[in-house]
Amino acid sequence: MLWPMIAVVVGFCGLAVLGVLAVRVALEVRRLGRQVAESSERITRAAQDLEQVAGNLARAGESLR
């Protein structure tokens, strides 16, 4: 009777460890998702700024001719 009880306890501990690790992974995935969204917004703003500057340079180049 001792070995089955030990097996149940070890199994329960294993499941508890897996549960804790799953929660940690889920939290890190959410954090990574927020970072990706923030980076995407920054890239979009930089592309818009670059497009605006390129347009200004193109108009300035036309006026110099």
C-alpha atoms as a PDB file:
ATOM      1  CA  MET A   1       0.000   0.000   0.000  1.00  0.00           C
ATOM      2  CA  LEU A   2       2.972   2.303   0.529  1.00  0.00           C
ATOM      3  CA  TRP A   3       4.162   2.296  -3.087  1.00  0.00           C
ATOM      4  CA  PRO A   4       0.820   3.248  -4.635  1.00  0.00           C
ATOM      5  CA  MET A   5       0.519   6.155  -2.184  1.00  0.00           C
ATOM      6  CA  ILE A   6       4.034   7.327  -3.035  1.00  0.00           C
ATOM      7  CA  ALA A   7       3.193   7.077  -6.750  1.00  0.00           C
ATOM      8  CA  VAL A   8       0.055   9.192  -6.248  1.00  0.00           C
ATOM      9  CA  VAL A   9       1.985  11.837  -4.273  1.00  0.00           C
ATOM     10  CA  VAL A  10       4.774  11.960  -6.860  1.00  0.00           C
ATOM     11  CA  GLY A  11       2.199  12.212  -9.649  1.00  0.00           C
ATOM     12  CA  PHE A  12       0.418  15.035  -7.868  1.00  0.00           C
ATOM     13  CA  CYS A  13       3.693  16.891  -7.309  1.00  0.00           C
ATOM     14  CA  GLY A  14       4.544  16.461 -10.978  1.00  0.00           C
ATOM     15  CA  LEU A  15       1.210  17.896 -12.041  1.00  0.00           C
ATOM     16  CA  ALA A  16       1.649  20.808  -9.621  1.00  0.00           C
ATOM     17  CA  VAL A  17       5.068  21.601 -11.093  1.00  0.00           C
ATOM     18  CA  LEU A  18       3.666  21.417 -14.626  1.00  0.00           C
ATOM     19  CA  GLY A  19       0.828  23.742 -13.614  1.00  0.00           C
ATOM     20  CA  VAL A  20       3.226  26.314 -12.180  1.00  0.00           C
ATOM     21  CA  LEU A  21       5.369  26.167 -15.303  1.00  0.00           C
ATOM     22  CA  ALA A  22       2.296  26.551 -17.523  1.00  0.00           C
ATOM     23  CA  VAL A  23       1.278  29.690 -15.643  1.00  0.00           C
ATOM     24  CA  ARG A  24       4.783  31.133 -15.980  1.00  0.00           C
ATOM     25  CA  VAL A  25       4.824  30.401 -19.716  1.00  0.00           C
ATOM     26  CA  ALA A  26       1.408  32.014 -20.163  1.00  0.00           C
ATOM     27  CA  LEU A  27       2.548  35.163 -18.355  1.00  0.00           C
ATOM     28  CA  GLU A  28       5.709  35.401 -20.447  1.00  0.00           C
ATOM     29  CA  VAL A  29       3.712  34.919 -23.660  1.00  0.00           C
ATOM     30  CA  ARG A  30       1.420  37.798 -22.682  1.00  0.00           C
ATOM     31  CA  ARG A  31       4.446  39.989 -21.903  1.00  0.00           C
ATOM     32  CA  LEU A  32       6.058  39.097 -25.231  1.00  0.00           C
ATOM     33  CA  GLY A  33       2.805  39.871 -27.042  1.00  0.00           C
ATOM     34  CA  ARG A  34       2.693  43.330 -25.458  1.00  0.00           C
ATOM     35  CA  GLN A  35       6.308  43.964 -26.470  1.00  0.00           C
ATOM     36  CA  VAL A  36       5.627  42.872 -30.044  1.00  0.00           C
ATOM     37  CA  ALA A  37       2.592  45.163 -30.246  1.00  0.00           C
ATOM     38  CA  GLU A  38       4.595  48.091 -28.871  1.00  0.00           C
ATOM     39  CA  SER A  39       7.446  47.441 -31.309  1.00  0.00           C
ATOM     40  CA  SER A  40       4.994  47.224 -34.187  1.00  0.00           C
ATOM     41  CA  GLU A  41       3.520  50.608 -33.260  1.00  0.00           C
ATOM     42  CA  ARG A  42       6.990  52.143 -33.039  1.00  0.00           C
ATOM     43  CA  ILE A  43       7.938  50.732 -36.452  1.00  0.00           C
ATOM     44  CA  THR A  44       4.713  52.078 -37.952  1.00  0.00           C
ATOM     45  CA  ARG A  45       5.383  55.553 -36.511  1.00  0.00           C
ATOM     46  CA  ALA A  46       8.967  55.480 -37.798  1.00  0.00           C
ATOM     47  CA  ALA A  47       7.787  54.455 -41.270  1.00  0.00           C
ATOM     48  CA  GLN A  48       5.259  57.291 -41.290  1.00  0.00           C
ATOM     49  CA  ASP A  49       7.938  59.775 -40.197  1.00  0.00           C
ATOM     50  CA  LEU A  50      10.283  58.496 -42.890  1.00  0.00           C
ATOM     51  CA  GLU A  51       7.578  58.792 -45.518  1.00  0.00           C
ATOM     52  CA  GLN A  52       6.831  62.363 -44.443  1.00  0.00           C
ATOM     53  CA  VAL A  53      10.507  63.353 -44.529  1.00  0.00           C
ATOM     54  CA  ALA A  54      10.964  61.722 -47.927  1.00  0.00           C
ATOM     55  CA  GLY A  55       7.979  63.662 -49.250  1.00  0.00           C
ATOM     56  CA  ASN A  56       9.380  66.904 -47.874  1.00  0.00           C
ATOM     57  CA  LEU A  57      12.761  66.181 -49.448  1.00  0.00           C
ATOM     58  CA  ALA A  58      11.153  65.357 -52.781  1.00  0.00           C
ATOM     59  CA  ARG A  59       9.218  68.638 -52.749  1.00  0.00           C
ATOM     60  CA  ALA A  60      12.353  70.584 -51.739  1.00  0.00           C
ATOM     61  CA  GLY A  61      14.301  68.949 -54.548  1.00  0.00           C
ATOM     62  CA  GLU A  62      11.645  69.927 -57.090  1.00  0.00           C
ATOM     63  CA  SER A  63      11.671  73.528 -55.953  1.00  0.00           C
ATOM     64  CA  LEU A  64      15.455  73.799 -56.372  1.00  0.00           C
ATOM     65  CA  ARG A  65      15.332  73.000 -60.084  1.00  0.00           C
END
